[in-house]
Amino acid sequence: RYNDAVLRNLIIRRDEAVTEQSEMLKAEENRNERRERRERPETAEGADEDGDDDSDNDVDE
């Protein structure tokens, strides 16, 4: 498995170094983030049910 920067150098020559993440790495990280969000939807919903349902009581009358 080759480093992303090595492959980029073999394909194109640049005057300056490209230091940002490649599109492939960004896509892989996005997939991992989506997978993590799918695995823990219960924890996000459970936090809302902790008794903070009194948002109507915060209004000054």
PDB file of N, CA and C in Angstrom:
ATOM      1  N   ARG A   1       0.854  -1.174   0.000  1.00  0.00           N
ATOM      2  CA  ARG A   1       0.000   0.000   0.000  1.00  0.00           C
ATOM      3  C   ARG A   1       0.899   1.235   0.000  1.00  0.00           C
ATOM      4  N   TYR A   2       0.668   2.106  -0.956  1.00  0.00           N
ATOM      5  CA  TYR A   2       1.497   3.298  -1.093  1.00  0.00           C
ATOM      6  C   TYR A   2       0.899   4.478  -0.330  1.00  0.00           C
ATOM      7  N   ASN A   3       1.769   5.345   0.107  1.00  0.00           N
ATOM      8  CA  ASN A   3       1.351   6.571   0.756  1.00  0.00           C
ATOM      9  C   ASN A   3       0.641   7.453  -0.266  1.00  0.00           C
ATOM     10  N   ASP A   4      -0.358   8.183   0.189  1.00  0.00           N
ATOM     11  CA  ASP A   4      -1.143   9.056  -0.677  1.00  0.00           C
ATOM     12  C   ASP A   4      -0.262  10.107  -1.353  1.00  0.00           C
ATOM     13  N   ALA A   5       0.680  10.678  -0.627  1.00  0.00           N
ATOM     14  CA  ALA A   5       1.561  11.705  -1.187  1.00  0.00           C
ATOM     15  C   ALA A   5       2.484  11.121  -2.251  1.00  0.00           C
ATOM     16  N   VAL A   6       2.926   9.890  -2.074  1.00  0.00           N
ATOM     17  CA  VAL A   6       3.802   9.244  -3.057  1.00  0.00           C
ATOM     18  C   VAL A   6       3.051   9.034  -4.366  1.00  0.00           C
ATOM     19  N   LEU A   7       1.831   8.540  -4.286  1.00  0.00           N
ATOM     20  CA  LEU A   7       1.028   8.335  -5.494  1.00  0.00           C
ATOM     21  C   LEU A   7       0.762   9.654  -6.207  1.00  0.00           C
ATOM     22  N   ARG A   8       0.462  10.680  -5.441  1.00  0.00           N
ATOM     23  CA  ARG A   8       0.197  11.982  -6.045  1.00  0.00           C
ATOM     24  C   ARG A   8       1.437  12.490  -6.777  1.00  0.00           C
ATOM     25  N   ASN A   9       2.615  12.287  -6.201  1.00  0.00           N
ATOM     26  CA  ASN A   9       3.861  12.736  -6.821  1.00  0.00           C
ATOM     27  C   ASN A   9       4.148  11.948  -8.095  1.00  0.00           C
ATOM     28  N   LEU A  10       3.810  10.675  -8.122  1.00  0.00           N
ATOM     29  CA  LEU A  10       4.043   9.868  -9.309  1.00  0.00           C
ATOM     30  C   LEU A  10       3.114  10.263 -10.454  1.00  0.00           C
ATOM     31  N   ILE A  11       1.944  10.765 -10.130  1.00  0.00           N
ATOM     32  CA  ILE A  11       0.954  11.090 -11.151  1.00  0.00           C
ATOM     33  C   ILE A  11       1.140  12.501 -11.689  1.00  0.00           C
ATOM     34  N   ILE A  12       1.317  13.476 -10.812  1.00  0.00           N
ATOM     35  CA  ILE A  12       1.438  14.872 -11.245  1.00  0.00           C
ATOM     36  C   ILE A  12       2.620  15.539 -10.561  1.00  0.00           C
ATOM     37  N   ARG A  13       3.199  16.492 -11.226  1.00  0.00           N
ATOM     38  CA  ARG A  13       4.271  17.303 -10.645  1.00  0.00           C
ATOM     39  C   ARG A  13       3.684  18.657 -10.273  1.00  0.00           C
ATOM     40  N   ARG A  14       4.028  19.144  -9.096  1.00  0.00           N
ATOM     41  CA  ARG A  14       3.539  20.430  -8.627  1.00  0.00           C
ATOM     42  C   ARG A  14       4.721  21.313  -8.256  1.00  0.00           C
ATOM     43  N   ASP A  15       4.538  22.627  -8.345  1.00  0.00           N
ATOM     44  CA  ASP A  15       5.573  23.556  -7.915  1.00  0.00           C
ATOM     45  C   ASP A  15       5.693  23.581  -6.398  1.00  0.00           C
ATOM     46  N   GLU A  16       4.554  23.404  -5.714  1.00  0.00           N
ATOM     47  CA  GLU A  16       4.539  23.398  -4.256  1.00  0.00           C
ATOM     48  C   GLU A  16       3.957  22.076  -3.772  1.00  0.00           C
ATOM     49  N   ALA A  17       4.307  21.722  -2.548  1.00  0.00           N
ATOM     50  CA  ALA A  17       3.803  20.477  -1.970  1.00  0.00           C
ATOM     51  C   ALA A  17       2.308  20.595  -1.682  1.00  0.00           C
ATOM     52  N   VAL A  18       1.598  19.531  -1.937  1.00  0.00           N
ATOM     53  CA  VAL A  18       0.173  19.461  -1.618  1.00  0.00           C
ATOM     54  C   VAL A  18       0.070  18.789  -0.263  1.00  0.00           C
ATOM     55  N   THR A  19      -0.410  19.530   0.723  1.00  0.00           N
ATOM     56  CA  THR A  19      -0.423  19.006   2.084  1.00  0.00           C
ATOM     57  C   THR A  19      -1.816  18.700   2.603  1.00  0.00           C
ATOM     58  N   GLU A  20      -2.845  19.020   1.838  1.00  0.00           N
ATOM     59  CA  GLU A  20      -4.200  18.737   2.302  1.00  0.00           C
ATOM     60  C   GLU A  20      -4.559  17.276   2.069  1.00  0.00           C
ATOM     61  N   GLN A  21      -5.630  16.834   2.712  1.00  0.00           N
ATOM     62  CA  GLN A  21      -6.072  15.455   2.563  1.00  0.00           C
ATOM     63  C   GLN A  21      -6.571  15.218   1.144  1.00  0.00           C
ATOM     64  N   SER A  22      -6.339  14.017   0.666  1.00  0.00           N
ATOM     65  CA  SER A  22      -6.819  13.659  -0.666  1.00  0.00           C
ATOM     66  C   SER A  22      -8.320  13.409  -0.621  1.00  0.00           C
ATOM     67  N   GLU A  23      -8.942  13.391  -1.781  1.00  0.00           N
ATOM     68  CA  GLU A  23     -10.376  13.128  -1.878  1.00  0.00           C
ATOM     69  C   GLU A  23     -10.700  11.715  -1.390  1.00  0.00           C
ATOM     70  N   MET A  24      -9.807  10.772  -1.639  1.00  0.00           N
ATOM     71  CA  MET A  24     -10.041   9.393  -1.192  1.00  0.00           C
ATOM     72  C   MET A  24     -10.060   9.325   0.331  1.00  0.00           C
ATOM     73  N   LEU A  25      -9.133  10.002   0.984  1.00  0.00           N
ATOM     74  CA  LEU A  25      -9.077   9.986   2.438  1.00  0.00           C
ATOM     75  C   LEU A  25     -10.282  10.703   3.033  1.00  0.00           C
ATOM     76  N   LYS A  26     -10.682  11.817   2.440  1.00  0.00           N
ATOM     77  CA  LYS A  26     -11.858  12.539   2.917  1.00  0.00           C
ATOM     78  C   LYS A  26     -13.103  11.670   2.807  1.00  0.00           C
ATOM     79  N   ALA A  27     -13.250  10.968   1.697  1.00  0.00           N
ATOM     80  CA  ALA A  27     -14.414  10.102   1.502  1.00  0.00           C
ATOM     81  C   ALA A  27     -14.426   8.972   2.525  1.00  0.00           C
ATOM     82  N   GLU A  28     -13.263   8.403   2.796  1.00  0.00           N
ATOM     83  CA  GLU A  28     -13.184   7.320   3.778  1.00  0.00           C
ATOM     84  C   GLU A  28     -13.544   7.823   5.172  1.00  0.00           C
ATOM     85  N   GLU A  29     -13.076   8.998   5.542  1.00  0.00           N
ATOM     86  CA  GLU A  29     -13.411   9.557   6.851  1.00  0.00           C
ATOM     87  C   GLU A  29     -14.899   9.868   6.949  1.00  0.00           C
ATOM     88  N   ASN A  30     -15.494  10.364   5.863  1.00  0.00           N
ATOM     89  CA  ASN A  30     -16.933  10.632   5.866  1.00  0.00           C
ATOM     90  C   ASN A  30     -17.725   9.347   6.056  1.00  0.00           C
ATOM     91  N   ARG A  31     -17.284   8.272   5.402  1.00  0.00           N
ATOM     92  CA  ARG A  31     -17.964   6.982   5.569  1.00  0.00           C
ATOM     93  C   ARG A  31     -17.863   6.511   7.011  1.00  0.00           C
ATOM     94  N   ASN A  32     -16.691   6.672   7.622  1.00  0.00           N
ATOM     95  CA  ASN A  32     -16.517   6.257   9.014  1.00  0.00           C
ATOM     96  C   ASN A  32     -17.403   7.076   9.948  1.00  0.00           C
ATOM     97  N   GLU A  33     -17.501   8.380   9.703  1.00  0.00           N
ATOM     98  CA  GLU A  33     -18.351   9.231  10.534  1.00  0.00           C
ATOM     99  C   GLU A  33     -19.817   8.839  10.404  1.00  0.00           C
ATOM    100  N   ARG A  34     -20.270   8.573   9.181  1.00  0.00           N
ATOM    101  CA  ARG A  34     -21.665   8.162   8.983  1.00  0.00           C
ATOM    102  C   ARG A  34     -21.932   6.835   9.675  1.00  0.00           C
ATOM    103  N   ARG A  35     -20.981   5.913   9.597  1.00  0.00           N
ATOM    104  CA  ARG A  35     -21.137   4.610  10.234  1.00  0.00           C
ATOM    105  C   ARG A  35     -21.244   4.779  11.751  1.00  0.00           C
ATOM    106  N   GLU A  36     -20.413   5.650  12.331  1.00  0.00           N
ATOM    107  CA  GLU A  36     -20.466   5.885  13.770  1.00  0.00           C
ATOM    108  C   GLU A  36     -21.798   6.500  14.180  1.00  0.00           C
ATOM    109  N   ARG A  37     -22.319   7.434  13.374  1.00  0.00           N
ATOM    110  CA  ARG A  37     -23.605   8.052  13.692  1.00  0.00           C
ATOM    111  C   ARG A  37     -24.731   7.041  13.642  1.00  0.00           C
ATOM    112  N   ARG A  38     -24.660   6.096  12.693  1.00  0.00           N
ATOM    113  CA  ARG A  38     -25.705   5.071  12.588  1.00  0.00           C
ATOM    114  C   ARG A  38     -25.660   4.124  13.771  1.00  0.00           C
ATOM    115  N   GLU A  39     -24.470   3.875  14.310  1.00  0.00           N
ATOM    116  CA  GLU A  39     -24.329   2.911  15.394  1.00  0.00           C
ATOM    117  C   GLU A  39     -24.795   3.465  16.733  1.00  0.00           C
ATOM    118  N   ARG A  40     -24.855   4.786  16.901  1.00  0.00           N
ATOM    119  CA  ARG A  40     -25.226   5.326  18.201  1.00  0.00           C
ATOM    120  C   ARG A  40     -26.352   6.348  18.148  1.00  0.00           C
ATOM    121  N   PRO A  41     -27.437   6.076  17.446  1.00  0.00           N
ATOM    122  CA  PRO A  41     -28.547   7.039  17.469  1.00  0.00           C
ATOM    123  C   PRO A  41     -29.303   7.005  18.792  1.00  0.00           C
ATOM    124  N   GLU A  42     -29.244   5.876  19.513  1.00  0.00           N
ATOM    125  CA  GLU A  42     -29.959   5.734  20.770  1.00  0.00           C
ATOM    126  C   GLU A  42     -29.399   6.659  21.831  1.00  0.00           C
ATOM    127  N   THR A  43     -28.082   6.857  21.853  1.00  0.00           N
ATOM    128  CA  THR A  43     -27.491   7.708  22.877  1.00  0.00           C
ATOM    129  C   THR A  43     -27.890   9.160  22.672  1.00  0.00           C
ATOM    130  N   ALA A  44     -28.013   9.614  21.445  1.00  0.00           N
ATOM    131  CA  ALA A  44     -28.415  10.993  21.174  1.00  0.00           C
ATOM    132  C   ALA A  44     -29.874  11.204  21.559  1.00  0.00           C
ATOM    133  N   GLU A  45     -30.728  10.236  21.275  1.00  0.00           N
ATOM    134  CA  GLU A  45     -32.137  10.357  21.623  1.00  0.00           C
ATOM    135  C   GLU A  45     -32.335  10.216  23.120  1.00  0.00           C
ATOM    136  N   GLY A  46     -31.570   9.375  23.761  1.00  0.00           N
ATOM    137  CA  GLY A  46     -31.678   9.164  25.196  1.00  0.00           C
ATOM    138  C   GLY A  46     -31.306  10.400  25.980  1.00  0.00           C
ATOM    139  N   ALA A  47     -30.417  11.228  25.473  1.00  0.00           N
ATOM    140  CA  ALA A  47     -30.005  12.442  26.161  1.00  0.00           C
ATOM    141  C   ALA A  47     -31.147  13.448  26.208  1.00  0.00           C
ATOM    142  N   ASP A  48     -32.028  13.449  25.216  1.00  0.00           N
ATOM    143  CA  ASP A  48     -33.152  14.371  25.194  1.00  0.00           C
ATOM    144  C   ASP A  48     -34.222  13.982  26.208  1.00  0.00           C
ATOM    145  N   GLU A  49     -34.265  12.742  26.605  1.00  0.00           N
ATOM    146  CA  GLU A  49     -35.296  12.255  27.506  1.00  0.00           C
ATOM    147  C   GLU A  49     -34.882  12.337  28.966  1.00  0.00           C
ATOM    148  N   ASP A  50     -33.841  13.072  29.294  1.00  0.00           N
ATOM    149  CA  ASP A  50     -33.342  13.141  30.660  1.00  0.00           C
ATOM    150  C   ASP A  50     -34.155  14.082  31.539  1.00  0.00           C
ATOM    151  N   GLY A  51     -35.263  14.573  31.084  1.00  0.00           N
ATOM    152  CA  GLY A  51     -36.085  15.440  31.901  1.00  0.00           C
ATOM    153  C   GLY A  51     -35.957  16.896  31.511  1.00  0.00           C
ATOM    154  N   ASP A  52     -35.422  17.193  30.400  1.00  0.00           N
ATOM    155  CA  ASP A  52     -35.303  18.568  29.925  1.00  0.00           C
ATOM    156  C   ASP A  52     -36.514  18.925  29.071  1.00  0.00           C
ATOM    157  N   ASP A  53     -37.643  18.321  29.381  1.00  0.00           N
ATOM    158  CA  ASP A  53     -38.858  18.562  28.617  1.00  0.00           C
ATOM    159  C   ASP A  53     -39.594  19.801  29.114  1.00  0.00           C
ATOM    160  N   ASP A  54     -39.038  20.504  30.095  1.00  0.00           N
ATOM    161  CA  ASP A  54     -39.716  21.652  30.662  1.00  0.00           C
ATOM    162  C   ASP A  54     -39.325  22.946  29.954  1.00  0.00           C
ATOM    163  N   SER A  55     -39.074  22.879  28.661  1.00  0.00           N
ATOM    164  CA  SER A  55     -38.687  24.067  27.905  1.00  0.00           C
ATOM    165  C   SER A  55     -39.824  25.081  27.849  1.00  0.00           C
ATOM    166  N   ASP A  56     -41.067  24.643  27.999  1.00  0.00           N
ATOM    167  CA  ASP A  56     -42.202  25.561  28.006  1.00  0.00           C
ATOM    168  C   ASP A  56     -42.209  26.403  29.276  1.00  0.00           C
ATOM    169  N   ASN A  57     -41.634  25.908  30.355  1.00  0.00           N
ATOM    170  CA  ASN A  57     -41.613  26.622  31.621  1.00  0.00           C
ATOM    171  C   ASN A  57     -40.582  27.735  31.641  1.00  0.00           C
ATOM    172  N   ASP A  58     -39.692  27.791  30.662  1.00  0.00           N
ATOM    173  CA  ASP A  58     -38.643  28.798  30.625  1.00  0.00           C
ATOM    174  C   ASP A  58     -39.143  30.143  30.121  1.00  0.00           C
ATOM    175  N   VAL A  59     -40.346  30.197  29.586  1.00  0.00           N
ATOM    176  CA  VAL A  59     -40.887  31.428  29.013  1.00  0.00           C
ATOM    177  C   VAL A  59     -41.406  32.310  30.139  1.00  0.00           C
ATOM    178  N   ASP A  60     -40.987  33.581  30.157  1.00  0.00           N
ATOM    179  CA  ASP A  60     -41.488  34.517  31.166  1.00  0.00           C
ATOM    180  C   ASP A  60     -42.889  34.977  30.791  1.00  0.00           C
ATOM    181  N   GLU A  61     -43.789  34.975  31.772  1.00  0.00           N
ATOM    182  CA  GLU A  61     -45.168  35.388  31.503  1.00  0.00           C
ATOM    183  C   GLU A  61     -45.479  36.669  32.209  1.00  0.00           C
TER     184      GLU A  61
END
